[in-house]
Amino acid sequence: MSWKTAFRSFYYEAAEEPDDITLDPATTALLVIDIQNTYLEVPEDPGKAQRWQPFLDRMNKTVIPNTANLIGWARAKGIEVMFARIACQKADGRDRSLCQKKPGFNYLLLPKDREDSQIVPELVPLPDEITVTKTTDSALTGTNLRLMLSNMGIKDVIVAGIFTDQCVSSTVRSLCDESFGVLVVEDCCAAATDELHRHELEIINMIYCHVVSAGELRSFC
C-alpha cells in the first residue's frame, strides 16, 4: 500500500488519490521534534520499564536510525534541517506552559542546559542548523519558528519526531493552519504505543498533512 491509500480515516476512506508530490529543496525544511535524551531513559520501576519497552525498541531500532538517515539525505539535497526540543529557560520551570506544569505524563521540567533535555547524540544538529526550544506541544506556539520558516522562503515542511499523538500532531496542525505543505514521515515517528501512533496518523492524514514513509519521501525530490 502506498502513501496515497494508507492511513485513511473515515473522512477520507473513499476519497480520490492525491496528486504526486514534488518538493523543491530550496523551499523545503525537515523539522525533527523532541527526540531528546529524557525519552530514551529506561524507567527504574520494572513494571514501567516493561510497559515502555516497545516504545524504546521502536525508538532505538527504527525511529532514531531512520531519522539519522533522513537528516543525512536532507543535508545532501540542500534541504534546511531544523530541530525543536522541549526546554524551559528557568531552572525551576516557572516559564513553562500550563500543560507542562500539570501532574501526570505531560509534567515536564527540562531546563535548557541539562543533559536530559538535549537532542540525542545520533541526531545532534550542525552548528548552522536552527533549534527552537519550547514549553508547548506545537513547535510554532510561543516560538519564532513560523517567522523563520517564512523568512527563509520555506513552503513545505517534512516532520519527524515524537510523540505522534502529541507534539508531532500539534505542530502539524499549526503548520497547516499557517498554510505550509506538511509531510509526516511515519517510520521516523513514534507514540507510546503503535496503536496510538497509527490512530493519530489516520486522524491527521490528508486533512493536515500527507503521511509517507522515508523511502517514499526520497522519490519526491
N, C-alpha and C. Protein backbone atom coordinates (compact mmCIF):
# COMPACT_ATOMS: atom_id res chain seq x y z
N MET A 1 0.84 -1.20 0.00
CA MET A 1 0.00 0.00 0.00
C MET A 1 0.88 1.26 0.00
N SER A 2 0.57 2.20 -0.86
CA SER A 2 1.37 3.41 -0.98
C SER A 2 0.81 4.50 -0.07
N TRP A 3 1.56 5.61 0.01
CA TRP A 3 1.13 6.74 0.82
C TRP A 3 -0.21 7.31 0.34
N LYS A 4 -0.55 7.07 -0.91
CA LYS A 4 -1.78 7.63 -1.46
C LYS A 4 -3.03 6.93 -0.93
N THR A 5 -2.86 5.72 -0.42
CA THR A 5 -4.02 4.97 0.06
C THR A 5 -3.91 4.53 1.52
N ALA A 6 -2.74 4.68 2.13
CA ALA A 6 -2.53 4.24 3.51
C ALA A 6 -3.05 5.28 4.51
N PHE A 7 -3.26 4.83 5.73
CA PHE A 7 -3.65 5.70 6.85
C PHE A 7 -4.89 6.55 6.53
N ARG A 8 -5.90 5.90 5.95
CA ARG A 8 -7.14 6.60 5.63
C ARG A 8 -8.10 6.54 6.82
N SER A 9 -8.64 7.68 7.21
CA SER A 9 -9.67 7.72 8.24
C SER A 9 -11.05 7.63 7.60
N PHE A 10 -12.07 7.64 8.40
CA PHE A 10 -13.45 7.62 7.92
C PHE A 10 -13.69 8.75 6.91
N TYR A 11 -13.14 9.91 7.20
CA TYR A 11 -13.38 11.09 6.37
C TYR A 11 -12.84 10.93 4.95
N TYR A 12 -11.79 10.15 4.80
CA TYR A 12 -11.11 10.06 3.51
C TYR A 12 -11.03 8.64 2.94
N GLU A 13 -11.74 7.71 3.53
CA GLU A 13 -11.60 6.32 3.09
C GLU A 13 -12.05 6.13 1.64
N ALA A 14 -12.93 6.99 1.16
CA ALA A 14 -13.42 6.86 -0.22
C ALA A 14 -12.94 8.01 -1.11
N ALA A 15 -12.02 8.81 -0.62
CA ALA A 15 -11.55 9.97 -1.39
C ALA A 15 -10.64 9.54 -2.53
N GLU A 16 -10.55 10.39 -3.54
CA GLU A 16 -9.63 10.12 -4.65
C GLU A 16 -8.19 10.16 -4.17
N GLU A 17 -7.32 9.49 -4.89
CA GLU A 17 -5.91 9.52 -4.53
C GLU A 17 -5.34 10.92 -4.77
N PRO A 18 -4.49 11.40 -3.87
CA PRO A 18 -3.90 12.73 -4.06
C PRO A 18 -2.92 12.75 -5.23
N ASP A 19 -2.62 13.93 -5.69
CA ASP A 19 -1.66 14.09 -6.78
C ASP A 19 -0.25 13.73 -6.32
N ASP A 20 0.61 13.45 -7.28
CA ASP A 20 2.02 13.22 -6.95
C ASP A 20 2.60 14.45 -6.28
N ILE A 21 3.60 14.22 -5.44
CA ILE A 21 4.25 15.31 -4.71
C ILE A 21 5.63 15.57 -5.29
N THR A 22 5.92 16.83 -5.52
CA THR A 22 7.26 17.23 -5.93
C THR A 22 7.75 18.31 -4.96
N LEU A 23 8.90 18.08 -4.37
CA LEU A 23 9.48 19.01 -3.41
C LEU A 23 10.66 19.75 -4.03
N ASP A 24 10.72 21.03 -3.80
CA ASP A 24 11.87 21.84 -4.19
C ASP A 24 12.76 21.99 -2.96
N PRO A 25 13.97 21.43 -2.97
CA PRO A 25 14.83 21.51 -1.79
C PRO A 25 15.03 22.94 -1.27
N ALA A 26 15.02 23.91 -2.18
CA ALA A 26 15.26 25.30 -1.78
C ALA A 26 14.12 25.87 -0.94
N THR A 27 12.93 25.27 -1.03
CA THR A 27 11.79 25.79 -0.27
C THR A 27 11.21 24.74 0.68
N THR A 28 12.06 23.76 1.03
CA THR A 28 11.63 22.66 1.90
C THR A 28 12.50 22.60 3.15
N ALA A 29 11.90 22.30 4.28
CA ALA A 29 12.63 22.11 5.53
C ALA A 29 12.25 20.78 6.15
N LEU A 30 13.21 20.19 6.84
CA LEU A 30 12.96 19.00 7.67
C LEU A 30 12.97 19.45 9.11
N LEU A 31 11.89 19.17 9.85
CA LEU A 31 11.78 19.53 11.25
C LEU A 31 11.74 18.27 12.10
N VAL A 32 12.72 18.12 12.98
CA VAL A 32 12.82 16.96 13.88
C VAL A 32 12.38 17.41 15.27
N ILE A 33 11.34 16.75 15.79
CA ILE A 33 10.67 17.22 17.01
C ILE A 33 10.95 16.32 18.21
N ASP A 34 11.56 16.88 19.24
CA ASP A 34 11.59 16.33 20.61
C ASP A 34 12.25 14.96 20.77
N ILE A 35 13.17 14.60 19.89
CA ILE A 35 13.88 13.33 20.09
C ILE A 35 15.05 13.64 21.04
N GLN A 36 14.75 13.61 22.33
CA GLN A 36 15.63 14.08 23.38
C GLN A 36 16.03 12.94 24.33
N ASN A 37 17.11 13.16 25.04
CA ASN A 37 17.65 12.11 25.92
C ASN A 37 16.64 11.61 26.94
N THR A 38 15.83 12.51 27.46
CA THR A 38 14.90 12.11 28.52
C THR A 38 13.98 10.97 28.11
N TYR A 39 13.62 10.94 26.83
CA TYR A 39 12.67 9.93 26.37
C TYR A 39 13.31 8.58 26.07
N LEU A 40 14.62 8.52 26.15
CA LEU A 40 15.32 7.25 25.93
C LEU A 40 15.78 6.62 27.24
N GLU A 41 15.46 7.25 28.36
CA GLU A 41 15.84 6.71 29.67
C GLU A 41 14.90 5.57 30.05
N VAL A 42 15.47 4.47 30.50
CA VAL A 42 14.67 3.31 30.92
C VAL A 42 14.15 3.57 32.33
N PRO A 43 12.84 3.48 32.57
CA PRO A 43 12.30 3.72 33.91
C PRO A 43 12.91 2.76 34.94
N GLU A 44 13.13 3.27 36.13
CA GLU A 44 13.72 2.45 37.20
C GLU A 44 12.74 1.38 37.68
N ASP A 45 11.47 1.71 37.69
CA ASP A 45 10.47 0.74 38.13
C ASP A 45 10.33 -0.37 37.08
N PRO A 46 10.49 -1.65 37.47
CA PRO A 46 10.44 -2.74 36.50
C PRO A 46 9.14 -2.80 35.71
N GLY A 47 8.03 -2.51 36.39
CA GLY A 47 6.75 -2.54 35.70
C GLY A 47 6.65 -1.47 34.63
N LYS A 48 7.10 -0.28 34.96
CA LYS A 48 7.08 0.81 33.99
C LYS A 48 8.05 0.53 32.85
N ALA A 49 9.20 -0.05 33.20
CA ALA A 49 10.19 -0.36 32.16
C ALA A 49 9.63 -1.35 31.15
N GLN A 50 8.94 -2.36 31.64
CA GLN A 50 8.34 -3.35 30.75
C GLN A 50 7.25 -2.71 29.88
N ARG A 51 6.48 -1.82 30.49
CA ARG A 51 5.40 -1.16 29.78
C ARG A 51 5.91 -0.28 28.64
N TRP A 52 7.04 0.35 28.85
CA TRP A 52 7.60 1.28 27.86
C TRP A 52 8.59 0.62 26.91
N GLN A 53 8.87 -0.67 27.10
CA GLN A 53 9.88 -1.33 26.27
C GLN A 53 9.54 -1.30 24.78
N PRO A 54 8.29 -1.53 24.36
CA PRO A 54 8.00 -1.45 22.92
C PRO A 54 8.32 -0.08 22.33
N PHE A 55 8.02 0.97 23.07
CA PHE A 55 8.35 2.33 22.59
C PHE A 55 9.85 2.49 22.47
N LEU A 56 10.60 2.08 23.49
CA LEU A 56 12.06 2.20 23.46
C LEU A 56 12.66 1.39 22.31
N ASP A 57 12.09 0.21 22.07
CA ASP A 57 12.57 -0.61 20.95
C ASP A 57 12.33 0.10 19.62
N ARG A 58 11.16 0.68 19.46
CA ARG A 58 10.88 1.38 18.21
C ARG A 58 11.81 2.58 18.04
N MET A 59 12.05 3.29 19.12
CA MET A 59 12.94 4.46 19.04
C MET A 59 14.35 4.05 18.64
N ASN A 60 14.89 3.05 19.32
CA ASN A 60 16.29 2.65 19.11
C ASN A 60 16.51 1.88 17.81
N LYS A 61 15.51 1.11 17.40
CA LYS A 61 15.69 0.25 16.23
C LYS A 61 15.14 0.86 14.93
N THR A 62 14.20 1.77 15.06
CA THR A 62 13.54 2.30 13.87
C THR A 62 13.64 3.82 13.77
N VAL A 63 13.09 4.53 14.74
CA VAL A 63 12.94 5.98 14.61
C VAL A 63 14.27 6.71 14.56
N ILE A 64 15.16 6.43 15.50
CA ILE A 64 16.44 7.15 15.53
C ILE A 64 17.31 6.81 14.32
N PRO A 65 17.50 5.53 13.98
CA PRO A 65 18.28 5.23 12.77
C PRO A 65 17.67 5.82 11.50
N ASN A 66 16.36 5.69 11.35
CA ASN A 66 15.71 6.24 10.16
C ASN A 66 15.82 7.77 10.10
N THR A 67 15.69 8.41 11.24
CA THR A 67 15.78 9.86 11.27
C THR A 67 17.19 10.32 10.99
N ALA A 68 18.18 9.60 11.50
CA ALA A 68 19.57 9.94 11.19
C ALA A 68 19.82 9.85 9.68
N ASN A 69 19.30 8.80 9.06
CA ASN A 69 19.43 8.67 7.60
C ASN A 69 18.67 9.77 6.86
N LEU A 70 17.50 10.12 7.38
CA LEU A 70 16.69 11.18 6.77
C LEU A 70 17.41 12.53 6.84
N ILE A 71 18.03 12.80 7.98
CA ILE A 71 18.79 14.04 8.13
C ILE A 71 19.96 14.08 7.14
N GLY A 72 20.66 12.97 7.02
CA GLY A 72 21.77 12.90 6.06
C GLY A 72 21.30 13.13 4.64
N TRP A 73 20.16 12.53 4.28
CA TRP A 73 19.59 12.73 2.94
C TRP A 73 19.21 14.18 2.72
N ALA A 74 18.57 14.79 3.72
CA ALA A 74 18.13 16.18 3.59
C ALA A 74 19.33 17.12 3.43
N ARG A 75 20.35 16.91 4.22
CA ARG A 75 21.55 17.75 4.12
C ARG A 75 22.18 17.62 2.73
N ALA A 76 22.24 16.41 2.22
CA ALA A 76 22.84 16.19 0.90
C ALA A 76 22.01 16.85 -0.21
N LYS A 77 20.69 16.93 -0.01
CA LYS A 77 19.81 17.53 -1.01
C LYS A 77 19.75 19.05 -0.91
N GLY A 78 20.31 19.60 0.16
CA GLY A 78 20.21 21.04 0.36
C GLY A 78 18.92 21.47 1.02
N ILE A 79 18.23 20.53 1.67
CA ILE A 79 17.01 20.82 2.42
C ILE A 79 17.40 21.35 3.80
N GLU A 80 16.77 22.41 4.24
CA GLU A 80 17.06 23.00 5.55
C GLU A 80 16.66 22.02 6.65
N VAL A 81 17.60 21.70 7.55
CA VAL A 81 17.32 20.79 8.66
C VAL A 81 17.16 21.62 9.93
N MET A 82 16.05 21.42 10.63
CA MET A 82 15.74 22.19 11.82
C MET A 82 15.28 21.25 12.92
N PHE A 83 15.38 21.71 14.15
CA PHE A 83 15.04 20.89 15.30
C PHE A 83 14.17 21.68 16.28
N ALA A 84 13.33 20.96 17.01
CA ALA A 84 12.59 21.54 18.12
C ALA A 84 12.79 20.62 19.33
N ARG A 85 12.95 21.21 20.49
CA ARG A 85 13.06 20.41 21.70
C ARG A 85 12.36 21.10 22.85
N ILE A 86 11.89 20.30 23.79
CA ILE A 86 11.25 20.82 24.99
C ILE A 86 12.34 21.25 25.95
N ALA A 87 12.30 22.51 26.36
CA ALA A 87 13.31 23.02 27.30
C ALA A 87 12.82 24.34 27.87
N CYS A 88 12.87 24.47 29.18
CA CYS A 88 12.49 25.73 29.81
C CYS A 88 13.74 26.58 30.06
N GLN A 89 13.55 27.87 30.12
CA GLN A 89 14.66 28.80 30.32
C GLN A 89 15.04 28.94 31.79
N LYS A 90 14.07 28.80 32.68
CA LYS A 90 14.31 28.93 34.11
C LYS A 90 14.53 27.56 34.73
N ALA A 91 15.48 27.47 35.66
CA ALA A 91 15.80 26.18 36.29
C ALA A 91 14.61 25.60 37.04
N ASP A 92 13.77 26.47 37.59
CA ASP A 92 12.61 25.97 38.33
C ASP A 92 11.39 25.78 37.46
N GLY A 93 11.50 26.11 36.18
CA GLY A 93 10.41 25.86 35.24
C GLY A 93 9.24 26.81 35.32
N ARG A 94 9.43 27.97 35.94
CA ARG A 94 8.33 28.92 36.05
C ARG A 94 7.81 29.39 34.70
N ASP A 95 8.66 29.33 33.68
CA ASP A 95 8.29 29.81 32.35
C ASP A 95 7.55 28.78 31.51
N ARG A 96 7.33 27.60 32.05
CA ARG A 96 6.63 26.56 31.29
C ARG A 96 5.17 26.89 31.07
N SER A 97 4.60 26.35 29.99
CA SER A 97 3.17 26.47 29.76
C SER A 97 2.43 25.57 30.75
N LEU A 98 1.13 25.84 30.90
CA LEU A 98 0.34 25.11 31.89
C LEU A 98 0.36 23.61 31.64
N CYS A 99 0.34 23.19 30.38
CA CYS A 99 0.27 21.75 30.10
C CYS A 99 1.49 21.01 30.64
N GLN A 100 2.63 21.69 30.77
CA GLN A 100 3.84 21.03 31.28
C GLN A 100 3.97 21.16 32.80
N LYS A 101 3.06 21.89 33.42
CA LYS A 101 3.06 22.01 34.88
C LYS A 101 2.06 21.08 35.54
N LYS A 102 1.13 20.56 34.76
CA LYS A 102 0.11 19.67 35.32
C LYS A 102 0.70 18.32 35.68
N PRO A 103 0.21 17.68 36.74
CA PRO A 103 0.72 16.35 37.11
C PRO A 103 0.38 15.31 36.06
N GLY A 104 1.17 14.26 36.01
CA GLY A 104 0.93 13.19 35.04
C GLY A 104 2.05 13.10 34.02
N PHE A 105 1.80 12.36 32.94
CA PHE A 105 2.84 12.11 31.94
C PHE A 105 3.37 13.40 31.34
N ASN A 106 2.51 14.38 31.12
CA ASN A 106 2.93 15.61 30.46
C ASN A 106 3.65 16.59 31.38
N TYR A 107 3.77 16.27 32.67
CA TYR A 107 4.55 17.13 33.56
C TYR A 107 6.02 17.03 33.13
N LEU A 108 6.59 18.15 32.76
CA LEU A 108 7.96 18.15 32.26
C LEU A 108 8.74 19.32 32.85
N LEU A 109 9.88 19.01 33.46
CA LEU A 109 10.80 20.03 33.93
C LEU A 109 12.15 19.72 33.30
N LEU A 110 12.43 20.39 32.19
CA LEU A 110 13.64 20.13 31.42
C LEU A 110 14.37 21.45 31.17
N PRO A 111 15.16 21.91 32.15
CA PRO A 111 15.95 23.13 31.94
C PRO A 111 16.84 22.99 30.71
N LYS A 112 17.01 24.10 29.98
CA LYS A 112 17.62 24.08 28.66
C LYS A 112 19.04 23.55 28.63
N ASP A 113 19.81 23.66 29.72
CA ASP A 113 21.21 23.23 29.71
C ASP A 113 21.42 21.85 30.33
N ARG A 114 20.35 21.25 30.82
CA ARG A 114 20.50 19.94 31.47
C ARG A 114 20.61 18.83 30.42
N GLU A 115 21.34 17.80 30.72
CA GLU A 115 21.65 16.75 29.74
C GLU A 115 20.40 16.05 29.22
N ASP A 116 19.43 15.82 30.10
CA ASP A 116 18.26 15.08 29.64
C ASP A 116 17.38 15.87 28.68
N SER A 117 17.58 17.18 28.59
CA SER A 117 16.79 17.97 27.65
C SER A 117 17.43 18.08 26.27
N GLN A 118 18.65 17.55 26.13
CA GLN A 118 19.36 17.69 24.86
C GLN A 118 18.87 16.68 23.82
N ILE A 119 19.06 17.02 22.56
CA ILE A 119 18.77 16.10 21.46
C ILE A 119 19.71 14.91 21.53
N VAL A 120 19.23 13.73 21.20
CA VAL A 120 20.03 12.51 21.33
C VAL A 120 21.30 12.60 20.48
N PRO A 121 22.39 11.97 20.93
CA PRO A 121 23.68 12.12 20.24
C PRO A 121 23.66 11.75 18.76
N GLU A 122 22.83 10.78 18.39
CA GLU A 122 22.80 10.33 17.00
C GLU A 122 22.25 11.41 16.04
N LEU A 123 21.58 12.43 16.60
CA LEU A 123 20.90 13.41 15.75
C LEU A 123 21.35 14.84 16.03
N VAL A 124 22.51 15.01 16.61
CA VAL A 124 22.96 16.34 17.02
C VAL A 124 22.98 17.31 15.84
N PRO A 125 22.39 18.50 16.00
CA PRO A 125 22.39 19.49 14.92
C PRO A 125 23.79 19.99 14.59
N LEU A 126 23.99 20.37 13.33
CA LEU A 126 25.22 21.04 12.94
C LEU A 126 25.19 22.48 13.45
N PRO A 127 26.34 23.13 13.56
CA PRO A 127 26.40 24.48 14.14
C PRO A 127 25.46 25.49 13.48
N ASP A 128 25.24 25.36 12.17
CA ASP A 128 24.42 26.35 11.47
C ASP A 128 22.96 25.95 11.36
N GLU A 129 22.57 24.85 11.99
CA GLU A 129 21.18 24.39 11.92
C GLU A 129 20.38 24.95 13.11
N ILE A 130 19.17 25.35 12.83
CA ILE A 130 18.32 26.02 13.82
C ILE A 130 17.66 25.01 14.75
N THR A 131 17.71 25.32 16.06
CA THR A 131 16.95 24.57 17.05
C THR A 131 16.10 25.54 17.83
N VAL A 132 14.80 25.29 17.91
CA VAL A 132 13.92 26.11 18.74
C VAL A 132 13.60 25.33 20.01
N THR A 133 13.54 26.05 21.13
CA THR A 133 13.13 25.45 22.39
C THR A 133 11.70 25.87 22.69
N LYS A 134 10.97 24.97 23.31
CA LYS A 134 9.55 25.23 23.54
C LYS A 134 9.11 24.63 24.87
N THR A 135 8.07 25.20 25.44
CA THR A 135 7.43 24.60 26.61
C THR A 135 5.97 24.33 26.28
N THR A 136 5.73 24.07 25.01
CA THR A 136 4.39 23.81 24.49
C THR A 136 4.45 22.54 23.65
N ASP A 137 3.29 22.07 23.21
CA ASP A 137 3.26 20.93 22.30
C ASP A 137 3.67 21.35 20.89
N SER A 138 2.98 22.32 20.33
CA SER A 138 3.30 22.78 18.99
C SER A 138 4.62 23.54 18.98
N ALA A 139 5.45 23.23 18.00
CA ALA A 139 6.73 23.93 17.87
C ALA A 139 6.56 25.34 17.34
N LEU A 140 5.35 25.70 16.89
CA LEU A 140 5.10 27.06 16.43
C LEU A 140 4.58 27.96 17.54
N THR A 141 3.93 27.37 18.53
CA THR A 141 3.34 28.16 19.61
C THR A 141 4.43 28.65 20.57
N GLY A 142 4.53 29.95 20.73
CA GLY A 142 5.49 30.50 21.67
C GLY A 142 6.92 30.53 21.18
N THR A 143 7.14 30.25 19.89
CA THR A 143 8.48 30.33 19.30
C THR A 143 8.40 31.20 18.05
N ASN A 144 9.57 31.50 17.48
CA ASN A 144 9.58 32.28 16.23
C ASN A 144 9.80 31.38 15.02
N LEU A 145 9.43 30.10 15.15
CA LEU A 145 9.64 29.15 14.06
C LEU A 145 8.88 29.55 12.80
N ARG A 146 7.62 29.93 12.95
CA ARG A 146 6.85 30.31 11.76
C ARG A 146 7.51 31.47 11.03
N LEU A 147 7.97 32.47 11.78
CA LEU A 147 8.62 33.62 11.18
C LEU A 147 9.90 33.21 10.46
N MET A 148 10.70 32.34 11.09
CA MET A 148 11.95 31.91 10.46
C MET A 148 11.69 31.13 9.19
N LEU A 149 10.70 30.24 9.22
CA LEU A 149 10.36 29.49 8.02
C LEU A 149 9.95 30.43 6.89
N SER A 150 9.13 31.40 7.23
CA SER A 150 8.69 32.37 6.23
C SER A 150 9.86 33.21 5.71
N ASN A 151 10.73 33.64 6.62
CA ASN A 151 11.88 34.46 6.22
C ASN A 151 12.81 33.71 5.27
N MET A 152 12.90 32.40 5.43
CA MET A 152 13.79 31.58 4.59
C MET A 152 13.10 31.09 3.33
N GLY A 153 11.85 31.48 3.13
CA GLY A 153 11.14 31.09 1.92
C GLY A 153 10.68 29.65 1.91
N ILE A 154 10.50 29.05 3.09
CA ILE A 154 10.07 27.65 3.17
C ILE A 154 8.58 27.55 2.89
N LYS A 155 8.21 26.60 2.04
CA LYS A 155 6.81 26.36 1.70
C LYS A 155 6.32 24.98 2.17
N ASP A 156 7.25 24.01 2.23
CA ASP A 156 6.89 22.65 2.63
C ASP A 156 7.77 22.21 3.79
N VAL A 157 7.15 21.54 4.78
CA VAL A 157 7.88 21.07 5.95
C VAL A 157 7.70 19.57 6.11
N ILE A 158 8.81 18.87 6.17
CA ILE A 158 8.83 17.43 6.46
C ILE A 158 8.98 17.27 7.96
N VAL A 159 8.14 16.45 8.58
CA VAL A 159 8.13 16.33 10.03
C VAL A 159 8.49 14.92 10.47
N ALA A 160 9.40 14.85 11.45
CA ALA A 160 9.76 13.59 12.12
C ALA A 160 9.79 13.87 13.61
N GLY A 161 9.65 12.81 14.42
CA GLY A 161 9.81 13.03 15.85
C GLY A 161 8.78 12.35 16.71
N ILE A 162 8.68 12.82 17.96
CA ILE A 162 7.78 12.24 18.95
C ILE A 162 7.06 13.36 19.71
N PHE A 163 5.97 13.05 20.30
CA PHE A 163 5.16 11.85 20.19
C PHE A 163 4.15 12.11 19.09
N THR A 164 3.86 11.11 18.29
CA THR A 164 2.99 11.29 17.13
C THR A 164 1.67 11.93 17.50
N ASP A 165 1.09 11.49 18.62
CA ASP A 165 -0.24 11.94 19.02
C ASP A 165 -0.21 13.20 19.88
N GLN A 166 0.97 13.75 20.11
CA GLN A 166 1.05 14.94 20.96
C GLN A 166 1.79 16.06 20.22
N CYS A 167 3.09 16.19 20.43
CA CYS A 167 3.82 17.33 19.86
C CYS A 167 3.90 17.28 18.34
N VAL A 168 4.01 16.10 17.77
CA VAL A 168 4.02 16.00 16.30
C VAL A 168 2.69 16.45 15.73
N SER A 169 1.61 15.91 16.27
CA SER A 169 0.28 16.26 15.78
C SER A 169 -0.01 17.75 15.97
N SER A 170 0.32 18.29 17.13
CA SER A 170 0.06 19.71 17.39
C SER A 170 0.85 20.59 16.42
N THR A 171 2.10 20.23 16.17
CA THR A 171 2.93 21.01 15.25
C THR A 171 2.41 20.92 13.83
N VAL A 172 2.01 19.73 13.41
CA VAL A 172 1.48 19.53 12.06
C VAL A 172 0.24 20.40 11.85
N ARG A 173 -0.65 20.40 12.81
CA ARG A 173 -1.87 21.20 12.69
C ARG A 173 -1.54 22.69 12.61
N SER A 174 -0.59 23.14 13.43
CA SER A 174 -0.19 24.55 13.40
C SER A 174 0.43 24.91 12.06
N LEU A 175 1.29 24.04 11.54
CA LEU A 175 1.92 24.31 10.25
C LEU A 175 0.87 24.40 9.14
N CYS A 176 -0.07 23.49 9.17
CA CYS A 176 -1.14 23.51 8.16
C CYS A 176 -1.96 24.79 8.27
N ASP A 177 -2.28 25.20 9.50
CA ASP A 177 -3.04 26.42 9.71
C ASP A 177 -2.30 27.65 9.17
N GLU A 178 -0.97 27.56 9.14
CA GLU A 178 -0.16 28.66 8.62
C GLU A 178 0.12 28.51 7.12
N SER A 179 -0.55 27.55 6.50
CA SER A 179 -0.51 27.34 5.04
C SER A 179 0.80 26.76 4.53
N PHE A 180 1.52 26.02 5.37
CA PHE A 180 2.66 25.24 4.89
C PHE A 180 2.16 23.88 4.40
N GLY A 181 2.80 23.36 3.36
CA GLY A 181 2.57 21.97 2.98
C GLY A 181 3.32 21.09 3.97
N VAL A 182 2.69 20.03 4.47
CA VAL A 182 3.29 19.21 5.53
C VAL A 182 3.32 17.75 5.13
N LEU A 183 4.47 17.12 5.32
CA LEU A 183 4.64 15.69 5.14
C LEU A 183 5.12 15.10 6.46
N VAL A 184 4.45 14.06 6.93
CA VAL A 184 4.87 13.37 8.16
C VAL A 184 5.47 12.03 7.76
N VAL A 185 6.70 11.79 8.22
CA VAL A 185 7.41 10.55 7.88
C VAL A 185 7.10 9.51 8.95
N GLU A 186 6.23 8.57 8.61
CA GLU A 186 5.66 7.69 9.63
C GLU A 186 6.69 6.79 10.29
N ASP A 187 7.72 6.36 9.57
CA ASP A 187 8.71 5.49 10.19
C ASP A 187 9.86 6.28 10.82
N CYS A 188 9.65 7.60 10.97
CA CYS A 188 10.56 8.45 11.75
C CYS A 188 9.80 9.08 12.92
N CYS A 189 8.66 8.50 13.26
CA CYS A 189 7.84 8.99 14.37
C CYS A 189 7.44 7.83 15.28
N ALA A 190 7.03 8.17 16.49
CA ALA A 190 6.55 7.16 17.42
C ALA A 190 5.63 7.81 18.44
N ALA A 191 4.66 7.02 18.90
CA ALA A 191 3.86 7.36 20.07
C ALA A 191 4.16 6.30 21.13
N ALA A 192 3.52 6.41 22.27
CA ALA A 192 3.80 5.46 23.35
C ALA A 192 3.49 4.03 22.92
N THR A 193 2.47 3.86 22.09
CA THR A 193 2.13 2.55 21.55
C THR A 193 1.94 2.65 20.04
N ASP A 194 2.09 1.54 19.36
CA ASP A 194 1.86 1.53 17.91
C ASP A 194 0.41 1.87 17.58
N GLU A 195 -0.51 1.46 18.46
CA GLU A 195 -1.93 1.76 18.23
C GLU A 195 -2.17 3.27 18.24
N LEU A 196 -1.61 3.97 19.23
CA LEU A 196 -1.76 5.42 19.29
C LEU A 196 -1.10 6.08 18.07
N HIS A 197 0.06 5.57 17.70
CA HIS A 197 0.80 6.10 16.56
C HIS A 197 -0.03 6.01 15.28
N ARG A 198 -0.52 4.83 14.99
CA ARG A 198 -1.27 4.63 13.75
C ARG A 198 -2.59 5.39 13.77
N HIS A 199 -3.25 5.41 14.92
CA HIS A 199 -4.53 6.10 15.02
C HIS A 199 -4.37 7.59 14.75
N GLU A 200 -3.33 8.20 15.33
CA GLU A 200 -3.13 9.63 15.12
C GLU A 200 -2.75 9.93 13.67
N LEU A 201 -1.97 9.06 13.06
CA LEU A 201 -1.63 9.27 11.65
C LEU A 201 -2.89 9.24 10.78
N GLU A 202 -3.82 8.36 11.10
CA GLU A 202 -5.09 8.31 10.36
C GLU A 202 -5.88 9.59 10.56
N ILE A 203 -5.82 10.15 11.76
CA ILE A 203 -6.57 11.37 12.06
C ILE A 203 -6.03 12.56 11.27
N ILE A 204 -4.72 12.72 11.23
CA ILE A 204 -4.14 13.93 10.62
C ILE A 204 -3.91 13.78 9.12
N ASN A 205 -3.84 12.55 8.62
CA ASN A 205 -3.51 12.34 7.21
C ASN A 205 -4.58 12.90 6.29
N MET A 206 -4.13 13.60 5.26
CA MET A 206 -4.94 14.16 4.20
C MET A 206 -5.75 15.39 4.61
N ILE A 207 -5.92 15.60 5.92
CA ILE A 207 -6.55 16.83 6.38
C ILE A 207 -5.47 17.89 6.63
N TYR A 208 -4.49 17.49 7.43
CA TYR A 208 -3.44 18.43 7.84
C TYR A 208 -2.08 18.15 7.20
N CYS A 209 -1.93 16.99 6.60
CA CYS A 209 -0.63 16.59 6.06
C CYS A 209 -0.82 15.40 5.13
N HIS A 210 0.28 14.95 4.55
CA HIS A 210 0.32 13.64 3.91
C HIS A 210 1.30 12.78 4.69
N VAL A 211 0.88 11.60 5.03
CA VAL A 211 1.72 10.66 5.77
C VAL A 211 2.44 9.76 4.76
N VAL A 212 3.76 9.73 4.85
CA VAL A 212 4.58 8.97 3.90
C VAL A 212 5.65 8.21 4.66
N SER A 213 6.28 7.27 4.00
CA SER A 213 7.44 6.58 4.56
C SER A 213 8.70 7.30 4.13
N ALA A 214 9.80 7.01 4.82
CA ALA A 214 11.08 7.62 4.47
C ALA A 214 11.49 7.25 3.06
N GLY A 215 11.21 6.01 2.67
CA GLY A 215 11.56 5.57 1.32
C GLY A 215 10.76 6.30 0.27
N GLU A 216 9.45 6.48 0.51
CA GLU A 216 8.61 7.20 -0.44
C GLU A 216 9.03 8.66 -0.56
N LEU A 217 9.41 9.25 0.55
CA LEU A 217 9.80 10.66 0.56
C LEU A 217 10.95 10.93 -0.39
N ARG A 218 11.90 10.03 -0.47
CA ARG A 218 13.09 10.23 -1.28
C ARG A 218 12.77 10.36 -2.77
N SER A 219 11.61 9.91 -3.18
CA SER A 219 11.24 9.99 -4.59
C SER A 219 10.59 11.33 -4.94
N PHE A 220 10.40 12.17 -3.93
CA PHE A 220 9.67 13.43 -4.17
C PHE A 220 10.58 14.57 -4.62
N CYS A 221 11.90 14.39 -4.53
CA CYS A 221 12.80 15.44 -5.00
C CYS A 221 14.17 14.86 -5.35
